[in-house]
Amino acid sequence: MAYDAIRAHGSLDVGLPPGPDFFGCGRPNYAAEMLRRAGFLDVSIKEVPLVWRVSSPDAIIDFICDGTVRTAAVLGRQSPQNLEKIRQGLRERVLQFERNGIYAVPAPASVVAARKSD
């Protein structure tokens, strides 16, 4: 959701050095290959349901701004006008997850396990 909002209302090209594929480790084949290259065996990956439950849409936005590295840096380099548009776009997306005053935003995660080779 954050990157969709940034693409719609701001820019991903903010002068940061190139980084690894942000979504790469969320793809089982990519994550397994990286672990195998690092010498791990018996790689298993399981997607687990994860839901962020918050009392306001801004709690999600604040977490992204304060609790991430690259996304926070991209957001921090937006113009004030674009940043507000990005935040509003995120609010609108989060609003769809409201149930009885709580916003339950799906955020599935992957649990990856492997054994280090001898």
PDB file of N, CA and C in Angstrom:
ATOM      1  N   MET A   1       0.812  -1.189   0.000  1.00  0.00           N
ATOM      2  CA  MET A   1       0.000   0.000   0.000  1.00  0.00           C
ATOM      3  C   MET A   1       0.858   1.256   0.000  1.00  0.00           C
ATOM      4  N   ALA A   2       1.946   1.224   0.750  1.00  0.00           N
ATOM      5  CA  ALA A   2       2.794   2.414   0.833  1.00  0.00           C
ATOM      6  C   ALA A   2       3.402   2.746  -0.523  1.00  0.00           C
ATOM      7  N   TYR A   3       3.942   1.745  -1.185  1.00  0.00           N
ATOM      8  CA  TYR A   3       4.571   2.017  -2.477  1.00  0.00           C
ATOM      9  C   TYR A   3       3.542   2.399  -3.535  1.00  0.00           C
ATOM     10  N   ASP A   4       2.346   1.839  -3.464  1.00  0.00           N
ATOM     11  CA  ASP A   4       1.281   2.274  -4.381  1.00  0.00           C
ATOM     12  C   ASP A   4       0.986   3.763  -4.175  1.00  0.00           C
ATOM     13  N   ALA A   5       0.889   4.179  -2.928  1.00  0.00           N
ATOM     14  CA  ALA A   5       0.599   5.589  -2.626  1.00  0.00           C
ATOM     15  C   ALA A   5       1.744   6.496  -3.061  1.00  0.00           C
ATOM     16  N   ILE A   6       2.972   6.032  -2.870  1.00  0.00           N
ATOM     17  CA  ILE A   6       4.123   6.837  -3.291  1.00  0.00           C
ATOM     18  C   ILE A   6       4.127   6.980  -4.809  1.00  0.00           C
ATOM     19  N   ARG A   7       3.889   5.878  -5.522  1.00  0.00           N
ATOM     20  CA  ARG A   7       3.856   5.953  -6.989  1.00  0.00           C
ATOM     21  C   ARG A   7       2.750   6.898  -7.472  1.00  0.00           C
ATOM     22  N   ALA A   8       1.606   6.861  -6.797  1.00  0.00           N
ATOM     23  CA  ALA A   8       0.460   7.666  -7.228  1.00  0.00           C
ATOM     24  C   ALA A   8       0.626   9.152  -6.915  1.00  0.00           C
ATOM     25  N   HIS A   9       1.315   9.479  -5.817  1.00  0.00           N
ATOM     26  CA  HIS A   9       1.309  10.869  -5.352  1.00  0.00           C
ATOM     27  C   HIS A   9       2.695  11.476  -5.137  1.00  0.00           C
ATOM     28  N   GLY A  10       3.731  10.694  -5.378  1.00  0.00           N
ATOM     29  CA  GLY A  10       5.081  11.193  -5.140  1.00  0.00           C
ATOM     30  C   GLY A  10       6.053  10.578  -6.129  1.00  0.00           C
ATOM     31  N   SER A  11       7.230  10.256  -5.645  1.00  0.00           N
ATOM     32  CA  SER A  11       8.264   9.682  -6.496  1.00  0.00           C
ATOM     33  C   SER A  11       9.087   8.669  -5.712  1.00  0.00           C
ATOM     34  N   LEU A  12       9.412   7.559  -6.375  1.00  0.00           N
ATOM     35  CA  LEU A  12      10.331   6.587  -5.783  1.00  0.00           C
ATOM     36  C   LEU A  12      11.778   6.982  -6.060  1.00  0.00           C
ATOM     37  N   ASP A  13      11.982   7.837  -7.035  1.00  0.00           N
ATOM     38  CA  ASP A  13      13.318   8.282  -7.414  1.00  0.00           C
ATOM     39  C   ASP A  13      13.671   9.527  -6.607  1.00  0.00           C
ATOM     40  N   VAL A  14      14.229   9.298  -5.420  1.00  0.00           N
ATOM     41  CA  VAL A  14      14.535  10.416  -4.517  1.00  0.00           C
ATOM     42  C   VAL A  14      16.022  10.495  -4.179  1.00  0.00           C
ATOM     43  N   GLY A  15      16.846   9.871  -5.006  1.00  0.00           N
ATOM     44  CA  GLY A  15      18.286   9.988  -4.817  1.00  0.00           C
ATOM     45  C   GLY A  15      18.902   9.013  -3.834  1.00  0.00           C
ATOM     46  N   LEU A  16      18.196   7.974  -3.465  1.00  0.00           N
ATOM     47  CA  LEU A  16      18.790   6.956  -2.594  1.00  0.00           C
ATOM     48  C   LEU A  16      19.671   6.032  -3.422  1.00  0.00           C
ATOM     49  N   PRO A  17      20.715   5.483  -2.820  1.00  0.00           N
ATOM     50  CA  PRO A  17      21.522   4.508  -3.572  1.00  0.00           C
ATOM     51  C   PRO A  17      20.680   3.267  -3.856  1.00  0.00           C
ATOM     52  N   PRO A  18      21.038   2.525  -4.885  1.00  0.00           N
ATOM     53  CA  PRO A  18      20.279   1.309  -5.184  1.00  0.00           C
ATOM     54  C   PRO A  18      20.291   0.364  -3.984  1.00  0.00           C
ATOM     55  N   GLY A  19      19.201  -0.334  -3.808  1.00  0.00           N
ATOM     56  CA  GLY A  19      19.097  -1.299  -2.726  1.00  0.00           C
ATOM     57  C   GLY A  19      18.616  -2.627  -3.259  1.00  0.00           C
ATOM     58  N   PRO A  20      18.589  -3.624  -2.402  1.00  0.00           N
ATOM     59  CA  PRO A  20      18.099  -4.930  -2.840  1.00  0.00           C
ATOM     60  C   PRO A  20      16.610  -4.859  -3.169  1.00  0.00           C
ATOM     61  N   ASP A  21      16.162  -5.844  -3.887  1.00  0.00           N
ATOM     62  CA  ASP A  21      14.749  -5.947  -4.244  1.00  0.00           C
ATOM     63  C   ASP A  21      13.923  -5.990  -2.964  1.00  0.00           C
ATOM     64  N   PHE A  22      13.134  -4.933  -2.746  1.00  0.00           N
ATOM     65  CA  PHE A  22      12.362  -4.806  -1.510  1.00  0.00           C
ATOM     66  C   PHE A  22      11.423  -5.984  -1.292  1.00  0.00           C
ATOM     67  N   PHE A  23      10.819  -6.490  -2.349  1.00  0.00           N
ATOM     68  CA  PHE A  23       9.840  -7.561  -2.223  1.00  0.00           C
ATOM     69  C   PHE A  23      10.442  -8.937  -2.494  1.00  0.00           C
ATOM     70  N   GLY A  24      11.731  -8.994  -2.780  1.00  0.00           N
ATOM     71  CA  GLY A  24      12.374 -10.254  -3.153  1.00  0.00           C
ATOM     72  C   GLY A  24      12.205 -11.358  -2.134  1.00  0.00           C
ATOM     73  N   CYS A  25      12.495 -11.085  -0.887  1.00  0.00           N
ATOM     74  CA  CYS A  25      12.433 -12.146   0.126  1.00  0.00           C
ATOM     75  C   CYS A  25      11.012 -12.604   0.402  1.00  0.00           C
ATOM     76  N   GLY A  26      10.029 -11.866  -0.057  1.00  0.00           N
ATOM     77  CA  GLY A  26       8.648 -12.295   0.074  1.00  0.00           C
ATOM     78  C   GLY A  26       8.247 -13.305  -0.985  1.00  0.00           C
ATOM     79  N   ARG A  27       9.109 -13.484  -1.989  1.00  0.00           N
ATOM     80  CA  ARG A  27       8.853 -14.492  -3.023  1.00  0.00           C
ATOM     81  C   ARG A  27       9.621 -15.751  -2.649  1.00  0.00           C
ATOM     82  N   PRO A  28       8.935 -16.856  -2.425  1.00  0.00           N
ATOM     83  CA  PRO A  28       9.599 -18.072  -1.937  1.00  0.00           C
ATOM     84  C   PRO A  28      10.822 -18.494  -2.748  1.00  0.00           C
ATOM     85  N   ASN A  29      10.755 -18.484  -4.056  1.00  0.00           N
ATOM     86  CA  ASN A  29      11.898 -18.935  -4.853  1.00  0.00           C
ATOM     87  C   ASN A  29      13.111 -18.030  -4.662  1.00  0.00           C
ATOM     88  N   TYR A  30      12.894 -16.733  -4.576  1.00  0.00           N
ATOM     89  CA  TYR A  30      13.986 -15.782  -4.382  1.00  0.00           C
ATOM     90  C   TYR A  30      14.636 -15.993  -3.013  1.00  0.00           C
ATOM     91  N   ALA A  31      13.824 -16.061  -1.983  1.00  0.00           N
ATOM     92  CA  ALA A  31      14.358 -16.242  -0.626  1.00  0.00           C
ATOM     93  C   ALA A  31      15.120 -17.552  -0.510  1.00  0.00           C
ATOM     94  N   ALA A  32      14.553 -18.631  -1.052  1.00  0.00           N
ATOM     95  CA  ALA A  32      15.213 -19.937  -0.972  1.00  0.00           C
ATOM     96  C   ALA A  32      16.552 -19.907  -1.700  1.00  0.00           C
ATOM     97  N   GLU A  33      16.599 -19.289  -2.857  1.00  0.00           N
ATOM     98  CA  GLU A  33      17.844 -19.217  -3.621  1.00  0.00           C
ATOM     99  C   GLU A  33      18.905 -18.408  -2.868  1.00  0.00           C
ATOM    100  N   MET A  34      18.521 -17.301  -2.258  1.00  0.00           N
ATOM    101  CA  MET A  34      19.487 -16.499  -1.496  1.00  0.00           C
ATOM    102  C   MET A  34      20.062 -17.304  -0.318  1.00  0.00           C
ATOM    103  N   LEU A  35      19.213 -18.051   0.354  1.00  0.00           N
ATOM    104  CA  LEU A  35      19.689 -18.866   1.473  1.00  0.00           C
ATOM    105  C   LEU A  35      20.606 -19.988   0.988  1.00  0.00           C
ATOM    106  N   ARG A  36      20.237 -20.621  -0.107  1.00  0.00           N
ATOM    107  CA  ARG A  36      21.092 -21.690  -0.655  1.00  0.00           C
ATOM    108  C   ARG A  36      22.453 -21.133  -1.052  1.00  0.00           C
ATOM    109  N   ARG A  37      22.463 -19.952  -1.658  1.00  0.00           N
ATOM    110  CA  ARG A  37      23.738 -19.325  -2.036  1.00  0.00           C
ATOM    111  C   ARG A  37      24.591 -19.018  -0.817  1.00  0.00           C
ATOM    112  N   ALA A  38      23.951 -18.776   0.315  1.00  0.00           N
ATOM    113  CA  ALA A  38      24.678 -18.480   1.556  1.00  0.00           C
ATOM    114  C   ALA A  38      25.066 -19.752   2.305  1.00  0.00           C
ATOM    115  N   GLY A  39      24.756 -20.915   1.723  1.00  0.00           N
ATOM    116  CA  GLY A  39      25.185 -22.170   2.319  1.00  0.00           C
ATOM    117  C   GLY A  39      24.151 -22.856   3.191  1.00  0.00           C
ATOM    118  N   PHE A  40      22.913 -22.459   3.120  1.00  0.00           N
ATOM    119  CA  PHE A  40      21.869 -23.092   3.921  1.00  0.00           C
ATOM    120  C   PHE A  40      21.225 -24.235   3.143  1.00  0.00           C
ATOM    121  N   LEU A  41      20.759 -25.225   3.883  1.00  0.00           N
ATOM    122  CA  LEU A  41      20.100 -26.398   3.312  1.00  0.00           C
ATOM    123  C   LEU A  41      18.695 -26.520   3.880  1.00  0.00           C
ATOM    124  N   ASP A  42      17.921 -27.395   3.268  1.00  0.00           N
ATOM    125  CA  ASP A  42      16.579 -27.722   3.772  1.00  0.00           C
ATOM    126  C   ASP A  42      15.747 -26.453   4.028  1.00  0.00           C
ATOM    127  N   VAL A  43      15.706 -25.593   3.050  1.00  0.00           N
ATOM    128  CA  VAL A  43      14.978 -24.336   3.172  1.00  0.00           C
ATOM    129  C   VAL A  43      13.480 -24.608   3.103  1.00  0.00           C
ATOM    130  N   SER A  44      12.755 -24.057   4.052  1.00  0.00           N
ATOM    131  CA  SER A  44      11.290 -24.124   3.991  1.00  0.00           C
ATOM    132  C   SER A  44      10.736 -22.725   4.227  1.00  0.00           C
ATOM    133  N   ILE A  45       9.653 -22.449   3.533  1.00  0.00           N
ATOM    134  CA  ILE A  45       9.037 -21.130   3.629  1.00  0.00           C
ATOM    135  C   ILE A  45       7.539 -21.333   3.770  1.00  0.00           C
ATOM    136  N   LYS A  46       6.986 -20.653   4.742  1.00  0.00           N
ATOM    137  CA  LYS A  46       5.550 -20.760   4.976  1.00  0.00           C
ATOM    138  C   LYS A  46       4.991 -19.350   5.138  1.00  0.00           C
ATOM    139  N   GLU A  47       3.943 -19.066   4.376  1.00  0.00           N
ATOM    140  CA  GLU A  47       3.270 -17.785   4.556  1.00  0.00           C
ATOM    141  C   GLU A  47       2.329 -17.909   5.739  1.00  0.00           C
ATOM    142  N   VAL A  48       2.379 -16.916   6.602  1.00  0.00           N
ATOM    143  CA  VAL A  48       1.504 -16.911   7.776  1.00  0.00           C
ATOM    144  C   VAL A  48       0.654 -15.644   7.751  1.00  0.00           C
ATOM    145  N   PRO A  49      -0.582 -15.792   8.171  1.00  0.00           N
ATOM    146  CA  PRO A  49      -1.425 -14.598   8.201  1.00  0.00           C
ATOM    147  C   PRO A  49      -0.960 -13.664   9.316  1.00  0.00           C
ATOM    148  N   LEU A  50      -0.914 -12.422   8.997  1.00  0.00           N
ATOM    149  CA  LEU A  50      -0.560 -11.402   9.978  1.00  0.00           C
ATOM    150  C   LEU A  50      -1.520 -10.252   9.746  1.00  0.00           C
ATOM    151  N   VAL A  51      -2.051  -9.723  10.807  1.00  0.00           N
ATOM    152  CA  VAL A  51      -2.985  -8.611  10.700  1.00  0.00           C
ATOM    153  C   VAL A  51      -2.549  -7.525  11.670  1.00  0.00           C
ATOM    154  N   TRP A  52      -2.371  -6.322  11.150  1.00  0.00           N
ATOM    155  CA  TRP A  52      -2.101  -5.173  12.007  1.00  0.00           C
ATOM    156  C   TRP A  52      -3.442  -4.654  12.484  1.00  0.00           C
ATOM    157  N   ARG A  53      -3.645  -4.634  13.775  1.00  0.00           N
ATOM    158  CA  ARG A  53      -4.876  -4.082  14.352  1.00  0.00           C
ATOM    159  C   ARG A  53      -4.517  -2.768  15.035  1.00  0.00           C
ATOM    160  N   VAL A  54      -5.123  -1.704  14.533  1.00  0.00           N
ATOM    161  CA  VAL A  54      -4.820  -0.375  15.046  1.00  0.00           C
ATOM    162  C   VAL A  54      -6.117   0.400  15.219  1.00  0.00           C
ATOM    163  N   SER A  55      -6.047   1.463  15.979  1.00  0.00           N
ATOM    164  CA  SER A  55      -7.252   2.252  16.255  1.00  0.00           C
ATOM    165  C   SER A  55      -7.443   3.416  15.288  1.00  0.00           C
ATOM    166  N   SER A  56      -6.445   3.664  14.428  1.00  0.00           N
ATOM    167  CA  SER A  56      -6.606   4.735  13.441  1.00  0.00           C
ATOM    168  C   SER A  56      -5.732   4.438  12.229  1.00  0.00           C
ATOM    169  N   PRO A  57      -6.139   4.898  11.060  1.00  0.00           N
ATOM    170  CA  PRO A  57      -5.301   4.713   9.870  1.00  0.00           C
ATOM    171  C   PRO A  57      -3.911   5.320  10.031  1.00  0.00           C
ATOM    172  N   ASP A  58      -3.817   6.429  10.760  1.00  0.00           N
ATOM    173  CA  ASP A  58      -2.512   7.067  10.934  1.00  0.00           C
ATOM    174  C   ASP A  58      -1.526   6.203  11.700  1.00  0.00           C
ATOM    175  N   ALA A  59      -1.998   5.265  12.504  1.00  0.00           N
ATOM    176  CA  ALA A  59      -1.083   4.372  13.223  1.00  0.00           C
ATOM    177  C   ALA A  59      -0.272   3.525  12.245  1.00  0.00           C
ATOM    178  N   ILE A  60      -0.911   3.079  11.176  1.00  0.00           N
ATOM    179  CA  ILE A  60      -0.196   2.318  10.143  1.00  0.00           C
ATOM    180  C   ILE A  60       0.818   3.224   9.455  1.00  0.00           C
ATOM    181  N   ILE A  61       0.403   4.414   9.108  1.00  0.00           N
ATOM    182  CA  ILE A  61       1.282   5.352   8.424  1.00  0.00           C
ATOM    183  C   ILE A  61       2.473   5.694   9.320  1.00  0.00           C
ATOM    184  N   ASP A  62       2.219   5.934  10.591  1.00  0.00           N
ATOM    185  CA  ASP A  62       3.305   6.248  11.521  1.00  0.00           C
ATOM    186  C   ASP A  62       4.275   5.083  11.644  1.00  0.00           C
ATOM    187  N   PHE A  63       3.746   3.862  11.665  1.00  0.00           N
ATOM    188  CA  PHE A  63       4.633   2.702  11.741  1.00  0.00           C
ATOM    189  C   PHE A  63       5.545   2.653  10.521  1.00  0.00           C
ATOM    190  N   ILE A  64       4.980   2.873   9.340  1.00  0.00           N
ATOM    191  CA  ILE A  64       5.780   2.838   8.117  1.00  0.00           C
ATOM    192  C   ILE A  64       6.841   3.935   8.156  1.00  0.00           C
ATOM    193  N   CYS A  65       6.463   5.114   8.602  1.00  0.00           N
ATOM    194  CA  CYS A  65       7.407   6.247   8.652  1.00  0.00           C
ATOM    195  C   CYS A  65       8.477   6.064   9.716  1.00  0.00           C
ATOM    196  N   ASP A  66       8.117   5.453  10.844  1.00  0.00           N
ATOM    197  CA  ASP A  66       9.050   5.341  11.966  1.00  0.00           C
ATOM    198  C   ASP A  66       9.699   3.971  12.104  1.00  0.00           C
ATOM    199  N   GLY A  67       9.082   2.942  11.533  1.00  0.00           N
ATOM    200  CA  GLY A  67       9.547   1.579  11.790  1.00  0.00           C
ATOM    201  C   GLY A  67      10.150   0.869  10.607  1.00  0.00           C
ATOM    202  N   THR A  68      10.380   1.587   9.526  1.00  0.00           N
ATOM    203  CA  THR A  68      11.021   0.983   8.364  1.00  0.00           C
ATOM    204  C   THR A  68      12.256   1.803   8.026  1.00  0.00           C
ATOM    205  N   VAL A  69      13.086   1.281   7.160  1.00  0.00           N
ATOM    206  CA  VAL A  69      14.301   2.005   6.793  1.00  0.00           C
ATOM    207  C   VAL A  69      14.139   2.648   5.418  1.00  0.00           C
ATOM    208  N   ARG A  70      14.079   1.828   4.403  1.00  0.00           N
ATOM    209  CA  ARG A  70      14.067   2.380   3.045  1.00  0.00           C
ATOM    210  C   ARG A  70      12.780   3.149   2.750  1.00  0.00           C
ATOM    211  N   THR A  71      11.641   2.596   3.125  1.00  0.00           N
ATOM    212  CA  THR A  71      10.384   3.290   2.862  1.00  0.00           C
ATOM    213  C   THR A  71      10.342   4.616   3.610  1.00  0.00           C
ATOM    214  N   ALA A  72      10.807   4.619   4.852  1.00  0.00           N
ATOM    215  CA  ALA A  72      10.849   5.875   5.615  1.00  0.00           C
ATOM    216  C   ALA A  72      11.758   6.891   4.929  1.00  0.00           C
ATOM    217  N   ALA A  73      12.885   6.419   4.376  1.00  0.00           N
ATOM    218  CA  ALA A  73      13.797   7.336   3.683  1.00  0.00           C
ATOM    219  C   ALA A  73      13.140   7.900   2.427  1.00  0.00           C
ATOM    220  N   VAL A  74      12.418   7.056   1.694  1.00  0.00           N
ATOM    221  CA  VAL A  74      11.719   7.532   0.496  1.00  0.00           C
ATOM    222  C   VAL A  74      10.665   8.553   0.897  1.00  0.00           C
ATOM    223  N   LEU A  75       9.909   8.263   1.939  1.00  0.00           N
ATOM    224  CA  LEU A  75       8.878   9.206   2.397  1.00  0.00           C
ATOM    225  C   LEU A  75       9.501  10.509   2.888  1.00  0.00           C
ATOM    226  N   GLY A  76      10.620  10.398   3.587  1.00  0.00           N
ATOM    227  CA  GLY A  76      11.277  11.577   4.132  1.00  0.00           C
ATOM    228  C   GLY A  76      11.820  12.522   3.070  1.00  0.00           C
ATOM    229  N   ARG A  77      11.952  12.051   1.848  1.00  0.00           N
ATOM    230  CA  ARG A  77      12.482  12.880   0.770  1.00  0.00           C
ATOM    231  C   ARG A  77      11.398  13.394  -0.176  1.00  0.00           C
ATOM    232  N   GLN A  78      10.141  13.221   0.206  1.00  0.00           N
ATOM    233  CA  GLN A  78       9.035  13.755  -0.601  1.00  0.00           C
ATOM    234  C   GLN A  78       8.818  15.224  -0.236  1.00  0.00           C
ATOM    235  N   SER A  79       8.268  15.961  -1.160  1.00  0.00           N
ATOM    236  CA  SER A  79       7.895  17.333  -0.833  1.00  0.00           C
ATOM    237  C   SER A  79       6.773  17.288   0.205  1.00  0.00           C
ATOM    238  N   PRO A  80       6.619  18.325   1.021  1.00  0.00           N
ATOM    239  CA  PRO A  80       5.532  18.319   2.003  1.00  0.00           C
ATOM    240  C   PRO A  80       4.162  18.109   1.363  1.00  0.00           C
ATOM    241  N   GLN A  81       3.949  18.684   0.194  1.00  0.00           N
ATOM    242  CA  GLN A  81       2.658  18.524  -0.478  1.00  0.00           C
ATOM    243  C   GLN A  81       2.444  17.076  -0.912  1.00  0.00           C
ATOM    244  N   ASN A  82       3.458  16.469  -1.506  1.00  0.00           N
ATOM    245  CA  ASN A  82       3.332  15.076  -1.935  1.00  0.00           C
ATOM    246  C   ASN A  82       3.206  14.140  -0.741  1.00  0.00           C
ATOM    247  N   LEU A  83       3.950  14.426   0.326  1.00  0.00           N
ATOM    248  CA  LEU A  83       3.863  13.576   1.511  1.00  0.00           C
ATOM    249  C   LEU A  83       2.444  13.576   2.066  1.00  0.00           C
ATOM    250  N   GLU A  84       1.807  14.715   2.103  1.00  0.00           N
ATOM    251  CA  GLU A  84       0.426  14.760   2.597  1.00  0.00           C
ATOM    252  C   GLU A  84      -0.508  13.988   1.671  1.00  0.00           C
ATOM    253  N   LYS A  85      -0.293  14.083   0.369  1.00  0.00           N
ATOM    254  CA  LYS A  85      -1.115  13.307  -0.579  1.00  0.00           C
ATOM    255  C   LYS A  85      -0.883  11.810  -0.398  1.00  0.00           C
ATOM    256  N   ILE A  86       0.354  11.415  -0.163  1.00  0.00           N
ATOM    257  CA  ILE A  86       0.686  10.006   0.079  1.00  0.00           C
ATOM    258  C   ILE A  86      -0.009   9.527   1.342  1.00  0.00           C
ATOM    259  N   ARG A  87       0.087  10.317   2.410  1.00  0.00           N
ATOM    260  CA  ARG A  87      -0.563   9.951   3.673  1.00  0.00           C
ATOM    261  C   ARG A  87      -2.075   9.834   3.485  1.00  0.00           C
ATOM    262  N   GLN A  88      -2.672  10.748   2.724  1.00  0.00           N
ATOM    263  CA  GLN A  88      -4.111  10.685   2.487  1.00  0.00           C
ATOM    264  C   GLN A  88      -4.474   9.448   1.663  1.00  0.00           C
ATOM    265  N   GLY A  89      -3.662   9.119   0.685  1.00  0.00           N
ATOM    266  CA  GLY A  89      -3.892   7.907  -0.102  1.00  0.00           C
ATOM    267  C   GLY A  89      -3.829   6.660   0.754  1.00  0.00           C
ATOM    268  N   LEU A  90      -2.876   6.622   1.674  1.00  0.00           N
ATOM    269  CA  LEU A  90      -2.783   5.488   2.600  1.00  0.00           C
ATOM    270  C   LEU A  90      -3.990   5.439   3.535  1.00  0.00           C
ATOM    271  N   ARG A  91      -4.389   6.584   4.048  1.00  0.00           N
ATOM    272  CA  ARG A  91      -5.587   6.622   4.911  1.00  0.00           C
ATOM    273  C   ARG A  91      -6.791   6.020   4.188  1.00  0.00           C
ATOM    274  N   GLU A  92      -6.971   6.413   2.950  1.00  0.00           N
ATOM    275  CA  GLU A  92      -8.116   5.914   2.187  1.00  0.00           C
ATOM    276  C   GLU A  92      -8.053   4.405   2.003  1.00  0.00           C
ATOM    277  N   ARG A  93      -6.856   3.880   1.791  1.00  0.00           N
ATOM    278  CA  ARG A  93      -6.716   2.425   1.653  1.00  0.00           C
ATOM    279  C   ARG A  93      -6.995   1.716   2.971  1.00  0.00           C
ATOM    280  N   VAL A  94      -6.504   2.264   4.072  1.00  0.00           N
ATOM    281  CA  VAL A  94      -6.674   1.629   5.380  1.00  0.00           C
ATOM    282  C   VAL A  94      -8.136   1.681   5.828  1.00  0.00           C
ATOM    283  N   LEU A  95      -8.852   2.721   5.446  1.00  0.00           N
ATOM    284  CA  LEU A  95     -10.256   2.865   5.858  1.00  0.00           C
ATOM    285  C   LEU A  95     -11.110   1.659   5.490  1.00  0.00           C
ATOM    286  N   GLN A  96     -10.782   0.990   4.407  1.00  0.00           N
ATOM    287  CA  GLN A  96     -11.583  -0.158   3.980  1.00  0.00           C
ATOM    288  C   GLN A  96     -11.502  -1.339   4.957  1.00  0.00           C
ATOM    289  N   PHE A  97     -10.562  -1.314   5.871  1.00  0.00           N
ATOM    290  CA  PHE A  97     -10.377  -2.419   6.810  1.00  0.00           C
ATOM    291  C   PHE A  97     -10.987  -2.148   8.178  1.00  0.00           C
ATOM    292  N   GLU A  98     -11.786  -1.083   8.293  1.00  0.00           N
ATOM    293  CA  GLU A  98     -12.390  -0.716   9.576  1.00  0.00           C
ATOM    294  C   GLU A  98     -13.563  -1.638   9.905  1.00  0.00           C
ATOM    295  N   ARG A  99     -13.538  -2.164  11.121  1.00  0.00           N
ATOM    296  CA  ARG A  99     -14.628  -2.962  11.666  1.00  0.00           C
ATOM    297  C   ARG A  99     -14.788  -2.592  13.131  1.00  0.00           C
ATOM    298  N   ASN A 100     -15.921  -1.978  13.467  1.00  0.00           N
ATOM    299  CA  ASN A 100     -16.211  -1.617  14.854  1.00  0.00           C
ATOM    300  C   ASN A 100     -15.132  -0.744  15.488  1.00  0.00           C
ATOM    301  N   GLY A 101     -14.637   0.209  14.723  1.00  0.00           N
ATOM    302  CA  GLY A 101     -13.658   1.155  15.256  1.00  0.00           C
ATOM    303  C   GLY A 101     -12.228   0.671  15.264  1.00  0.00           C
ATOM    304  N   ILE A 102     -11.987  -0.541  14.782  1.00  0.00           N
ATOM    305  CA  ILE A 102     -10.630  -1.092  14.696  1.00  0.00           C
ATOM    306  C   ILE A 102     -10.310  -1.332  13.229  1.00  0.00           C
ATOM    307  N   TYR A 103      -9.096  -1.028  12.857  1.00  0.00           N
ATOM    308  CA  TYR A 103      -8.633  -1.242  11.489  1.00  0.00           C
ATOM    309  C   TYR A 103      -7.755  -2.483  11.499  1.00  0.00           C
ATOM    310  N   ALA A 104      -8.229  -3.545  10.856  1.00  0.00           N
ATOM    311  CA  ALA A 104      -7.501  -4.813  10.800  1.00  0.00           C
ATOM    312  C   ALA A 104      -6.926  -4.953   9.395  1.00  0.00           C
ATOM    313  N   VAL A 105      -5.682  -4.549   9.237  1.00  0.00           N
ATOM    314  CA  VAL A 105      -5.040  -4.481   7.929  1.00  0.00           C
ATOM    315  C   VAL A 105      -4.210  -5.744   7.706  1.00  0.00           C
ATOM    316  N   PRO A 106      -4.556  -6.528   6.680  1.00  0.00           N
ATOM    317  CA  PRO A 106      -3.773  -7.730   6.399  1.00  0.00           C
ATOM    318  C   PRO A 106      -2.342  -7.369   6.004  1.00  0.00           C
ATOM    319  N   ALA A 107      -1.402  -8.086   6.577  1.00  0.00           N
ATOM    320  CA  ALA A 107       0.007  -7.889   6.252  1.00  0.00           C
ATOM    321  C   ALA A 107       0.705  -9.241   6.350  1.00  0.00           C
ATOM    322  N   PRO A 108       0.389 -10.166   5.422  1.00  0.00           N
ATOM    323  CA  PRO A 108       0.944 -11.513   5.525  1.00  0.00           C
ATOM    324  C   PRO A 108       2.464 -11.483   5.574  1.00  0.00           C
ATOM    325  N   ALA A 109       3.005 -12.449   6.274  1.00  0.00           N
ATOM    326  CA  ALA A 109       4.457 -12.550   6.438  1.00  0.00           C
ATOM    327  C   ALA A 109       4.908 -13.947   6.037  1.00  0.00           C
ATOM    328  N   SER A 110       6.184 -14.071   5.802  1.00  0.00           N
ATOM    329  CA  SER A 110       6.755 -15.377   5.517  1.00  0.00           C
ATOM    330  C   SER A 110       7.690 -15.773   6.640  1.00  0.00           C
ATOM    331  N   VAL A 111       7.567 -17.019   7.067  1.00  0.00           N
ATOM    332  CA  VAL A 111       8.487 -17.586   8.038  1.00  0.00           C
ATOM    333  C   VAL A 111       9.418 -18.505   7.251  1.00  0.00           C
ATOM    334  N   VAL A 112      10.696 -18.220   7.335  1.00  0.00           N
ATOM    335  CA  VAL A 112      11.680 -18.970   6.575  1.00  0.00           C
ATOM    336  C   VAL A 112      12.582 -19.707   7.563  1.00  0.00           C
ATOM    337  N   ALA A 113      12.755 -20.996   7.302  1.00  0.00           N
ATOM    338  CA  ALA A 113      13.637 -21.806   8.151  1.00  0.00           C
ATOM    339  C   ALA A 113      14.616 -22.534   7.240  1.00  0.00           C
ATOM    340  N   ALA A 114      15.828 -22.730   7.744  1.00  0.00           N
ATOM    341  CA  ALA A 114      16.850 -23.447   6.972  1.00  0.00           C
ATOM    342  C   ALA A 114      17.897 -23.963   7.945  1.00  0.00           C
ATOM    343  N   ARG A 115      18.700 -24.867   7.457  1.00  0.00           N
ATOM    344  CA  ARG A 115      19.765 -25.445   8.260  1.00  0.00           C
ATOM    345  C   ARG A 115      21.094 -25.050   7.617  1.00  0.00           C
ATOM    346  N   LYS A 116      22.006 -24.569   8.438  1.00  0.00           N
ATOM    347  CA  LYS A 116      23.326 -24.171   7.939  1.00  0.00           C
ATOM    348  C   LYS A 116      24.125 -25.420   7.630  1.00  0.00           C
ATOM    349  N   SER A 117      24.720 -25.465   6.434  1.00  0.00           N
ATOM    350  CA  SER A 117      25.521 -26.632   6.069  1.00  0.00           C
ATOM    351  C   SER A 117      26.798 -26.665   6.897  1.00  0.00           C
ATOM    352  N   ASP A 118      27.359 -27.839   7.004  1.00  0.00           N
ATOM    353  CA  ASP A 118      28.596 -28.015   7.797  1.00  0.00           C
ATOM    354  C   ASP A 118      29.791 -27.451   7.095  1.00  0.00           C
TER     355      ASP A 118
END
